[in-house]
Amino acid sequence: MLISILIGIISLILEVILSNFLPYLNNNLSLFTPMFSIVSLFFIYSFFKKDKYRYFIFSFIFGFVYDLFFTNLLFFNGILFLAIAFLITLLYENLEINFLNIILEIVIIITVYELLTVFIILIFNLVPITPLKVLYKISHSLIINIIYGEILYFIIKHLPKKYRSLSIN
């Protein structure tokens, strides 16, 4: 559990740092939009595989902390992170975790997260959103997040067996 908290904290810190340095305006959206917290949530599941209930609690709290750093909408990302945690459990049960499948899984997770966000924003009519803007944001956030996911995979794969609870192929 300590390693999962450490991964979450490092991901949040990196996301805060990069979001301050990379342009994040509407038509100047960088090719490197960090979503490290969502990506790290995927890898944190490997430490909670035997106790899914604690993983869901961790995901909700992690989303709540994410809200404190990035949004003023209380529990917005807590609920979204919980929904993504359910998706991650399905991905782990149905797909093998290896170097190439991680790319597909990260694409699925980021796409679902963005679509859920847009769906909630459209329901409450918070900001006008077009499908082109959503596609633009998803496509421009994949590069750095896939790289970060592969780096996390490499680090977790090379941890000593006593620190990782799941054997990753």
N, C-alpha and C. Protein backbone atom coordinates (compact mmCIF):
# COMPACT_ATOMS: atom_id res chain seq x y z
N MET A 1 0.83 -1.19 0.00
CA MET A 1 0.00 0.00 0.00
C MET A 1 0.87 1.26 0.00
N LEU A 2 2.01 1.20 0.65
CA LEU A 2 2.89 2.36 0.71
C LEU A 2 3.39 2.74 -0.68
N ILE A 3 3.68 1.76 -1.50
CA ILE A 3 4.16 2.04 -2.86
C ILE A 3 3.05 2.66 -3.70
N SER A 4 1.82 2.21 -3.51
CA SER A 4 0.71 2.79 -4.27
C SER A 4 0.48 4.25 -3.88
N ILE A 5 0.61 4.56 -2.60
CA ILE A 5 0.48 5.96 -2.17
C ILE A 5 1.63 6.79 -2.73
N LEU A 6 2.83 6.22 -2.73
CA LEU A 6 3.99 6.92 -3.28
C LEU A 6 3.82 7.19 -4.77
N ILE A 7 3.32 6.20 -5.51
CA ILE A 7 3.07 6.40 -6.94
C ILE A 7 2.03 7.49 -7.15
N GLY A 8 0.98 7.49 -6.35
CA GLY A 8 -0.05 8.52 -6.46
C GLY A 8 0.48 9.91 -6.17
N ILE A 9 1.29 10.05 -5.13
CA ILE A 9 1.85 11.36 -4.77
C ILE A 9 2.80 11.85 -5.85
N ILE A 10 3.66 10.97 -6.34
CA ILE A 10 4.60 11.38 -7.39
C ILE A 10 3.83 11.78 -8.65
N SER A 11 2.79 11.05 -9.00
CA SER A 11 2.00 11.38 -10.19
C SER A 11 1.32 12.74 -10.04
N LEU A 12 0.76 13.00 -8.85
CA LEU A 12 0.14 14.31 -8.63
C LEU A 12 1.16 15.43 -8.71
N ILE A 13 2.31 15.25 -8.11
CA ILE A 13 3.35 16.29 -8.14
C ILE A 13 3.82 16.55 -9.57
N LEU A 14 4.07 15.47 -10.32
CA LEU A 14 4.48 15.65 -11.72
C LEU A 14 3.40 16.33 -12.55
N GLU A 15 2.16 15.98 -12.30
CA GLU A 15 1.06 16.59 -13.05
C GLU A 15 0.93 18.08 -12.72
N VAL A 16 1.10 18.43 -11.46
CA VAL A 16 1.04 19.84 -11.06
C VAL A 16 2.17 20.61 -11.71
N ILE A 17 3.37 20.06 -11.68
CA ILE A 17 4.53 20.75 -12.26
C ILE A 17 4.36 20.92 -13.77
N LEU A 18 4.00 19.84 -14.46
CA LEU A 18 3.87 19.93 -15.92
C LEU A 18 2.69 20.79 -16.36
N SER A 19 1.62 20.78 -15.60
CA SER A 19 0.48 21.61 -16.00
C SER A 19 0.77 23.09 -15.82
N ASN A 20 1.74 23.43 -15.01
CA ASN A 20 2.14 24.83 -14.87
C ASN A 20 3.10 25.27 -15.96
N PHE A 21 3.82 24.34 -16.57
CA PHE A 21 4.82 24.71 -17.56
C PHE A 21 4.37 24.51 -19.01
N LEU A 22 3.38 23.67 -19.23
CA LEU A 22 2.93 23.42 -20.59
C LEU A 22 1.73 24.30 -20.91
N PRO A 23 1.65 24.80 -22.13
CA PRO A 23 0.49 25.64 -22.49
C PRO A 23 -0.79 24.82 -22.45
N TYR A 24 -1.81 25.40 -21.86
CA TYR A 24 -3.05 24.66 -21.64
C TYR A 24 -4.27 25.48 -22.08
N LEU A 25 -4.09 26.38 -23.00
CA LEU A 25 -5.21 27.18 -23.48
C LEU A 25 -5.94 26.42 -24.58
N ASN A 26 -7.12 26.88 -24.91
CA ASN A 26 -8.00 26.14 -25.81
C ASN A 26 -7.36 25.83 -27.16
N ASN A 27 -6.95 26.80 -27.90
CA ASN A 27 -6.38 26.54 -29.22
C ASN A 27 -4.87 26.39 -29.18
N ASN A 28 -4.31 26.40 -27.99
CA ASN A 28 -2.88 26.23 -27.84
C ASN A 28 -2.60 25.01 -26.97
N LEU A 29 -3.47 24.03 -27.05
CA LEU A 29 -3.32 22.84 -26.23
C LEU A 29 -2.08 22.08 -26.67
N SER A 30 -1.24 21.80 -25.73
CA SER A 30 0.02 21.15 -26.02
C SER A 30 -0.19 19.70 -26.42
N LEU A 31 0.79 19.14 -27.10
CA LEU A 31 0.76 17.72 -27.39
C LEU A 31 1.03 16.92 -26.12
N PHE A 32 1.39 17.59 -25.07
CA PHE A 32 1.76 16.93 -23.83
C PHE A 32 0.86 17.37 -22.70
N THR A 33 -0.39 16.99 -22.75
CA THR A 33 -1.33 17.28 -21.67
C THR A 33 -1.24 16.15 -20.65
N PRO A 34 -0.70 16.42 -19.47
CA PRO A 34 -0.51 15.33 -18.51
C PRO A 34 -1.81 14.91 -17.84
N MET A 35 -1.99 13.62 -17.74
CA MET A 35 -3.08 13.02 -16.98
C MET A 35 -2.49 11.85 -16.19
N PHE A 36 -1.40 12.14 -15.50
CA PHE A 36 -0.63 11.11 -14.83
C PHE A 36 -1.41 10.43 -13.71
N SER A 37 -2.31 11.14 -13.08
CA SER A 37 -3.07 10.56 -11.98
C SER A 37 -3.97 9.44 -12.48
N ILE A 38 -4.58 9.63 -13.62
CA ILE A 38 -5.43 8.59 -14.20
C ILE A 38 -4.59 7.38 -14.61
N VAL A 39 -3.43 7.65 -15.22
CA VAL A 39 -2.55 6.57 -15.65
C VAL A 39 -2.02 5.80 -14.43
N SER A 40 -1.65 6.52 -13.39
CA SER A 40 -1.12 5.85 -12.21
C SER A 40 -2.18 5.02 -11.51
N LEU A 41 -3.43 5.45 -11.60
CA LEU A 41 -4.53 4.68 -11.02
C LEU A 41 -4.60 3.27 -11.63
N PHE A 42 -4.26 3.18 -12.90
CA PHE A 42 -4.23 1.88 -13.58
C PHE A 42 -3.17 0.97 -12.96
N PHE A 43 -1.99 1.50 -12.68
CA PHE A 43 -0.90 0.69 -12.15
C PHE A 43 -1.05 0.44 -10.65
N ILE A 44 -1.71 1.33 -9.96
CA ILE A 44 -1.92 1.15 -8.52
C ILE A 44 -2.82 -0.05 -8.25
N TYR A 45 -3.68 -0.38 -9.19
CA TYR A 45 -4.57 -1.53 -8.99
C TYR A 45 -3.80 -2.82 -8.73
N SER A 46 -2.61 -2.95 -9.31
CA SER A 46 -1.84 -4.18 -9.12
C SER A 46 -1.48 -4.41 -7.66
N PHE A 47 -1.44 -3.36 -6.86
CA PHE A 47 -1.13 -3.50 -5.44
C PHE A 47 -2.37 -3.81 -4.61
N PHE A 48 -3.54 -3.61 -5.17
CA PHE A 48 -4.80 -3.83 -4.46
C PHE A 48 -5.61 -4.98 -5.07
N LYS A 49 -5.01 -5.77 -5.92
CA LYS A 49 -5.78 -6.76 -6.67
C LYS A 49 -6.56 -7.72 -5.77
N LYS A 50 -6.01 -8.03 -4.61
CA LYS A 50 -6.69 -8.96 -3.71
C LYS A 50 -7.75 -8.28 -2.86
N ASP A 51 -7.73 -6.97 -2.80
CA ASP A 51 -8.70 -6.23 -1.98
C ASP A 51 -9.27 -5.08 -2.81
N LYS A 52 -10.25 -5.38 -3.65
CA LYS A 52 -10.83 -4.39 -4.56
C LYS A 52 -11.56 -3.28 -3.81
N TYR A 53 -12.15 -3.62 -2.70
CA TYR A 53 -12.89 -2.62 -1.92
C TYR A 53 -11.95 -1.50 -1.47
N ARG A 54 -10.78 -1.85 -0.98
CA ARG A 54 -9.80 -0.82 -0.57
C ARG A 54 -9.32 -0.02 -1.77
N TYR A 55 -9.23 -0.67 -2.92
CA TYR A 55 -8.82 0.04 -4.13
C TYR A 55 -9.86 1.09 -4.53
N PHE A 56 -11.14 0.74 -4.42
CA PHE A 56 -12.19 1.70 -4.75
C PHE A 56 -12.18 2.87 -3.78
N ILE A 57 -11.97 2.59 -2.51
CA ILE A 57 -11.86 3.68 -1.51
C ILE A 57 -10.65 4.55 -1.82
N PHE A 58 -9.51 3.93 -2.13
CA PHE A 58 -8.31 4.67 -2.48
C PHE A 58 -8.55 5.54 -3.71
N SER A 59 -9.22 4.98 -4.72
CA SER A 59 -9.50 5.73 -5.95
C SER A 59 -10.37 6.96 -5.68
N PHE A 60 -11.38 6.78 -4.85
CA PHE A 60 -12.26 7.92 -4.53
C PHE A 60 -11.48 9.01 -3.78
N ILE A 61 -10.69 8.61 -2.80
CA ILE A 61 -9.90 9.59 -2.03
C ILE A 61 -8.87 10.25 -2.92
N PHE A 62 -8.25 9.48 -3.80
CA PHE A 62 -7.27 10.02 -4.74
C PHE A 62 -7.94 11.04 -5.67
N GLY A 63 -9.14 10.76 -6.13
CA GLY A 63 -9.89 11.70 -6.96
C GLY A 63 -10.28 12.95 -6.19
N PHE A 64 -10.61 12.78 -4.91
CA PHE A 64 -10.95 13.93 -4.07
C PHE A 64 -9.73 14.83 -3.89
N VAL A 65 -8.56 14.25 -3.67
CA VAL A 65 -7.32 15.03 -3.55
C VAL A 65 -7.02 15.72 -4.88
N TYR A 66 -7.27 15.03 -5.98
CA TYR A 66 -7.09 15.61 -7.31
C TYR A 66 -7.99 16.83 -7.48
N ASP A 67 -9.22 16.73 -6.99
CA ASP A 67 -10.14 17.88 -7.01
C ASP A 67 -9.58 19.06 -6.23
N LEU A 68 -8.97 18.79 -5.11
CA LEU A 68 -8.41 19.87 -4.30
C LEU A 68 -7.29 20.61 -5.03
N PHE A 69 -6.52 19.89 -5.86
CA PHE A 69 -5.43 20.51 -6.60
C PHE A 69 -5.88 21.19 -7.88
N PHE A 70 -6.83 20.60 -8.61
CA PHE A 70 -7.10 21.06 -9.97
C PHE A 70 -8.47 21.69 -10.20
N THR A 71 -9.49 21.32 -9.46
CA THR A 71 -10.81 21.86 -9.74
C THR A 71 -11.43 22.42 -8.46
N ASN A 72 -12.47 23.16 -8.62
CA ASN A 72 -13.24 23.65 -7.48
C ASN A 72 -14.54 22.88 -7.32
N LEU A 73 -14.68 21.81 -8.06
CA LEU A 73 -15.89 21.00 -8.01
C LEU A 73 -15.66 19.85 -7.04
N LEU A 74 -16.20 19.98 -5.86
CA LEU A 74 -15.99 18.99 -4.82
C LEU A 74 -16.61 17.65 -5.22
N PHE A 75 -15.87 16.58 -5.11
CA PHE A 75 -16.25 15.20 -5.39
C PHE A 75 -16.43 14.89 -6.88
N PHE A 76 -16.20 15.84 -7.76
CA PHE A 76 -16.34 15.60 -9.20
C PHE A 76 -15.38 14.51 -9.66
N ASN A 77 -14.10 14.72 -9.44
CA ASN A 77 -13.12 13.72 -9.85
C ASN A 77 -13.10 12.52 -8.92
N GLY A 78 -13.56 12.67 -7.69
CA GLY A 78 -13.69 11.52 -6.81
C GLY A 78 -14.62 10.49 -7.41
N ILE A 79 -15.75 10.95 -7.92
CA ILE A 79 -16.71 10.05 -8.55
C ILE A 79 -16.18 9.53 -9.89
N LEU A 80 -15.53 10.41 -10.66
CA LEU A 80 -14.97 9.97 -11.94
C LEU A 80 -13.84 8.94 -11.73
N PHE A 81 -12.99 9.16 -10.75
CA PHE A 81 -11.91 8.21 -10.48
C PHE A 81 -12.49 6.88 -10.02
N LEU A 82 -13.58 6.91 -9.30
CA LEU A 82 -14.23 5.68 -8.88
C LEU A 82 -14.78 4.92 -10.08
N ALA A 83 -15.38 5.63 -11.02
CA ALA A 83 -15.88 5.00 -12.25
C ALA A 83 -14.73 4.42 -13.07
N ILE A 84 -13.63 5.15 -13.14
CA ILE A 84 -12.46 4.66 -13.86
C ILE A 84 -11.87 3.45 -13.16
N ALA A 85 -11.94 3.42 -11.83
CA ALA A 85 -11.44 2.26 -11.07
C ALA A 85 -12.23 1.01 -11.43
N PHE A 86 -13.54 1.14 -11.61
CA PHE A 86 -14.34 0.00 -12.06
C PHE A 86 -13.91 -0.46 -13.45
N LEU A 87 -13.65 0.48 -14.34
CA LEU A 87 -13.18 0.15 -15.68
C LEU A 87 -11.82 -0.56 -15.61
N ILE A 88 -10.95 -0.08 -14.75
CA ILE A 88 -9.61 -0.67 -14.62
C ILE A 88 -9.70 -2.11 -14.13
N THR A 89 -10.61 -2.37 -13.19
CA THR A 89 -10.75 -3.76 -12.72
C THR A 89 -11.22 -4.66 -13.87
N LEU A 90 -12.09 -4.16 -14.72
CA LEU A 90 -12.53 -4.95 -15.88
C LEU A 90 -11.38 -5.18 -16.86
N LEU A 91 -10.56 -4.16 -17.08
CA LEU A 91 -9.43 -4.31 -17.99
C LEU A 91 -8.43 -5.32 -17.46
N TYR A 92 -8.15 -5.26 -16.17
CA TYR A 92 -7.21 -6.22 -15.58
C TYR A 92 -7.73 -7.65 -15.67
N GLU A 93 -9.03 -7.82 -15.53
CA GLU A 93 -9.59 -9.17 -15.58
C GLU A 93 -9.66 -9.73 -16.99
N ASN A 94 -9.78 -8.86 -17.99
CA ASN A 94 -10.00 -9.34 -19.35
C ASN A 94 -8.80 -9.22 -20.29
N LEU A 95 -7.82 -8.40 -19.94
CA LEU A 95 -6.66 -8.23 -20.82
C LEU A 95 -5.38 -8.58 -20.06
N GLU A 96 -4.45 -9.11 -20.78
CA GLU A 96 -3.15 -9.40 -20.20
C GLU A 96 -2.36 -8.09 -20.07
N ILE A 97 -1.63 -7.97 -18.98
CA ILE A 97 -0.84 -6.76 -18.76
C ILE A 97 0.56 -7.01 -19.31
N ASN A 98 0.86 -6.39 -20.44
CA ASN A 98 2.20 -6.46 -21.00
C ASN A 98 2.52 -5.12 -21.65
N PHE A 99 3.71 -5.03 -22.19
CA PHE A 99 4.22 -3.76 -22.71
C PHE A 99 3.32 -3.15 -23.77
N LEU A 100 2.79 -3.95 -24.68
CA LEU A 100 1.96 -3.43 -25.77
C LEU A 100 0.51 -3.18 -25.35
N ASN A 101 -0.04 -4.05 -24.53
CA ASN A 101 -1.43 -3.87 -24.10
C ASN A 101 -1.61 -2.64 -23.22
N ILE A 102 -0.55 -2.21 -22.56
CA ILE A 102 -0.65 -1.02 -21.72
C ILE A 102 -1.01 0.20 -22.56
N ILE A 103 -0.50 0.27 -23.77
CA ILE A 103 -0.83 1.40 -24.65
C ILE A 103 -2.33 1.42 -24.92
N LEU A 104 -2.89 0.28 -25.29
CA LEU A 104 -4.33 0.18 -25.55
C LEU A 104 -5.13 0.53 -24.30
N GLU A 105 -4.72 0.01 -23.17
CA GLU A 105 -5.45 0.24 -21.93
C GLU A 105 -5.41 1.71 -21.51
N ILE A 106 -4.27 2.37 -21.68
CA ILE A 106 -4.17 3.79 -21.35
C ILE A 106 -5.06 4.62 -22.28
N VAL A 107 -5.09 4.26 -23.56
CA VAL A 107 -5.96 4.96 -24.51
C VAL A 107 -7.42 4.81 -24.10
N ILE A 108 -7.81 3.61 -23.71
CA ILE A 108 -9.19 3.37 -23.28
C ILE A 108 -9.52 4.17 -22.03
N ILE A 109 -8.62 4.16 -21.06
CA ILE A 109 -8.87 4.84 -19.79
C ILE A 109 -8.98 6.35 -19.99
N ILE A 110 -8.06 6.92 -20.74
CA ILE A 110 -8.10 8.38 -20.97
C ILE A 110 -9.33 8.77 -21.77
N THR A 111 -9.69 7.98 -22.78
CA THR A 111 -10.87 8.28 -23.58
C THR A 111 -12.14 8.23 -22.74
N VAL A 112 -12.28 7.19 -21.94
CA VAL A 112 -13.47 7.07 -21.09
C VAL A 112 -13.52 8.19 -20.06
N TYR A 113 -12.38 8.53 -19.47
CA TYR A 113 -12.35 9.63 -18.50
C TYR A 113 -12.80 10.94 -19.15
N GLU A 114 -12.26 11.24 -20.31
CA GLU A 114 -12.63 12.49 -20.99
C GLU A 114 -14.10 12.48 -21.42
N LEU A 115 -14.59 11.36 -21.90
CA LEU A 115 -15.99 11.28 -22.32
C LEU A 115 -16.94 11.40 -21.12
N LEU A 116 -16.58 10.80 -19.99
CA LEU A 116 -17.39 10.96 -18.79
C LEU A 116 -17.39 12.42 -18.31
N THR A 117 -16.23 13.04 -18.38
CA THR A 117 -16.14 14.45 -18.00
C THR A 117 -17.03 15.31 -18.89
N VAL A 118 -16.95 15.09 -20.18
CA VAL A 118 -17.77 15.85 -21.13
C VAL A 118 -19.25 15.59 -20.89
N PHE A 119 -19.60 14.34 -20.65
CA PHE A 119 -20.99 13.99 -20.41
C PHE A 119 -21.54 14.74 -19.19
N ILE A 120 -20.78 14.78 -18.12
CA ILE A 120 -21.23 15.49 -16.91
C ILE A 120 -21.29 16.99 -17.16
N ILE A 121 -20.32 17.52 -17.88
CA ILE A 121 -20.32 18.96 -18.19
C ILE A 121 -21.52 19.32 -19.06
N LEU A 122 -21.86 18.44 -20.01
CA LEU A 122 -23.02 18.70 -20.86
C LEU A 122 -24.33 18.59 -20.10
N ILE A 123 -24.40 17.66 -19.15
CA ILE A 123 -25.63 17.51 -18.36
C ILE A 123 -25.91 18.78 -17.57
N PHE A 124 -24.89 19.33 -16.95
CA PHE A 124 -25.07 20.52 -16.13
C PHE A 124 -24.85 21.82 -16.91
N ASN A 125 -24.56 21.71 -18.20
CA ASN A 125 -24.40 22.87 -19.09
C ASN A 125 -23.41 23.89 -18.51
N LEU A 126 -22.23 23.39 -18.10
CA LEU A 126 -21.23 24.26 -17.49
C LEU A 126 -20.47 25.10 -18.51
N VAL A 127 -20.02 24.46 -19.59
CA VAL A 127 -19.28 25.16 -20.64
C VAL A 127 -19.69 24.57 -21.98
N PRO A 128 -19.68 25.39 -23.02
CA PRO A 128 -20.00 24.83 -24.34
C PRO A 128 -18.84 23.96 -24.84
N ILE A 129 -19.17 22.76 -25.28
CA ILE A 129 -18.16 21.81 -25.75
C ILE A 129 -18.60 21.27 -27.09
N THR A 130 -17.66 21.18 -28.02
CA THR A 130 -17.94 20.57 -29.31
C THR A 130 -17.23 19.22 -29.39
N PRO A 131 -17.72 18.32 -30.20
CA PRO A 131 -17.03 17.03 -30.35
C PRO A 131 -15.60 17.17 -30.87
N LEU A 132 -15.35 18.20 -31.67
CA LEU A 132 -14.00 18.42 -32.18
C LEU A 132 -13.03 18.78 -31.06
N LYS A 133 -13.48 19.57 -30.10
CA LYS A 133 -12.64 19.93 -28.96
C LYS A 133 -12.33 18.71 -28.09
N VAL A 134 -13.32 17.85 -27.93
CA VAL A 134 -13.12 16.64 -27.13
C VAL A 134 -12.11 15.72 -27.82
N LEU A 135 -12.27 15.51 -29.11
CA LEU A 135 -11.34 14.68 -29.86
C LEU A 135 -9.94 15.27 -29.84
N TYR A 136 -9.84 16.59 -29.95
CA TYR A 136 -8.57 17.28 -29.91
C TYR A 136 -7.88 17.07 -28.56
N LYS A 137 -8.63 17.20 -27.48
CA LYS A 137 -8.05 17.03 -26.14
C LYS A 137 -7.60 15.60 -25.90
N ILE A 138 -8.41 14.63 -26.31
CA ILE A 138 -8.04 13.22 -26.13
C ILE A 138 -6.78 12.90 -26.93
N SER A 139 -6.77 13.29 -28.19
CA SER A 139 -5.62 12.94 -29.04
C SER A 139 -4.34 13.63 -28.59
N HIS A 140 -4.46 14.82 -28.02
CA HIS A 140 -3.27 15.54 -27.60
C HIS A 140 -2.82 15.19 -26.19
N SER A 141 -3.53 14.34 -25.53
CA SER A 141 -3.08 13.94 -24.20
C SER A 141 -2.48 12.54 -24.19
N LEU A 142 -2.53 11.85 -25.30
CA LEU A 142 -2.09 10.46 -25.32
C LEU A 142 -0.58 10.28 -25.31
N ILE A 143 0.17 11.13 -25.98
CA ILE A 143 1.61 10.91 -26.16
C ILE A 143 2.33 10.83 -24.82
N ILE A 144 2.23 11.88 -24.03
CA ILE A 144 2.99 11.91 -22.78
C ILE A 144 2.45 10.90 -21.77
N ASN A 145 1.17 10.64 -21.81
CA ASN A 145 0.59 9.70 -20.85
C ASN A 145 0.97 8.26 -21.18
N ILE A 146 1.08 7.92 -22.43
CA ILE A 146 1.55 6.59 -22.81
C ILE A 146 3.01 6.43 -22.42
N ILE A 147 3.81 7.46 -22.64
CA ILE A 147 5.22 7.40 -22.23
C ILE A 147 5.32 7.23 -20.72
N TYR A 148 4.53 8.00 -19.97
CA TYR A 148 4.54 7.88 -18.52
C TYR A 148 4.08 6.49 -18.08
N GLY A 149 3.08 5.95 -18.73
CA GLY A 149 2.60 4.62 -18.40
C GLY A 149 3.65 3.55 -18.65
N GLU A 150 4.37 3.66 -19.75
CA GLU A 150 5.42 2.69 -20.04
C GLU A 150 6.57 2.81 -19.04
N ILE A 151 6.89 4.02 -18.62
CA ILE A 151 7.93 4.21 -17.60
C ILE A 151 7.49 3.60 -16.27
N LEU A 152 6.24 3.84 -15.87
CA LEU A 152 5.72 3.24 -14.64
C LEU A 152 5.71 1.71 -14.74
N TYR A 153 5.33 1.19 -15.88
CA TYR A 153 5.34 -0.26 -16.08
C TYR A 153 6.75 -0.81 -15.89
N PHE A 154 7.73 -0.15 -16.49
CA PHE A 154 9.12 -0.59 -16.39
C PHE A 154 9.60 -0.55 -14.93
N ILE A 155 9.25 0.50 -14.20
CA ILE A 155 9.67 0.62 -12.80
C ILE A 155 9.01 -0.45 -11.95
N ILE A 156 7.70 -0.64 -12.10
CA ILE A 156 6.99 -1.63 -11.30
C ILE A 156 7.45 -3.04 -11.64
N LYS A 157 7.74 -3.28 -12.90
CA LYS A 157 8.20 -4.61 -13.31
C LYS A 157 9.54 -4.95 -12.68
N HIS A 158 10.37 -3.95 -12.44
CA HIS A 158 11.69 -4.19 -11.89
C HIS A 158 11.77 -3.98 -10.38
N LEU A 159 10.63 -3.80 -9.73
CA LEU A 159 10.63 -3.75 -8.27
C LEU A 159 10.92 -5.16 -7.73
N PRO A 160 11.54 -5.25 -6.57
CA PRO A 160 11.70 -6.58 -5.96
C PRO A 160 10.33 -7.21 -5.69
N LYS A 161 10.25 -8.52 -5.74
CA LYS A 161 8.97 -9.24 -5.63
C LYS A 161 8.26 -8.96 -4.32
N LYS A 162 9.00 -8.65 -3.27
CA LYS A 162 8.32 -8.41 -1.99
C LYS A 162 7.57 -7.09 -1.99
N TYR A 163 7.89 -6.17 -2.91
CA TYR A 163 7.20 -4.88 -2.97
C TYR A 163 6.05 -4.86 -3.96
N ARG A 164 6.03 -5.76 -4.90
CA ARG A 164 4.92 -5.80 -5.85
C ARG A 164 4.11 -7.06 -5.59
N SER A 165 2.83 -6.88 -5.61
CA SER A 165 1.95 -8.00 -5.25
C SER A 165 1.42 -8.75 -6.47
N LEU A 166 1.70 -8.26 -7.66
CA LEU A 166 1.19 -8.88 -8.87
C LEU A 166 2.35 -9.05 -9.84
N SER A 167 2.45 -10.21 -10.42
CA SER A 167 3.50 -10.40 -11.41
C SER A 167 3.02 -9.82 -12.73
N ILE A 168 3.75 -8.85 -13.22
CA ILE A 168 3.42 -8.20 -14.48
C ILE A 168 4.27 -8.83 -15.56
N ASN A 169 3.66 -9.22 -16.67
CA ASN A 169 4.39 -9.90 -17.74
C ASN A 169 5.31 -8.95 -18.46
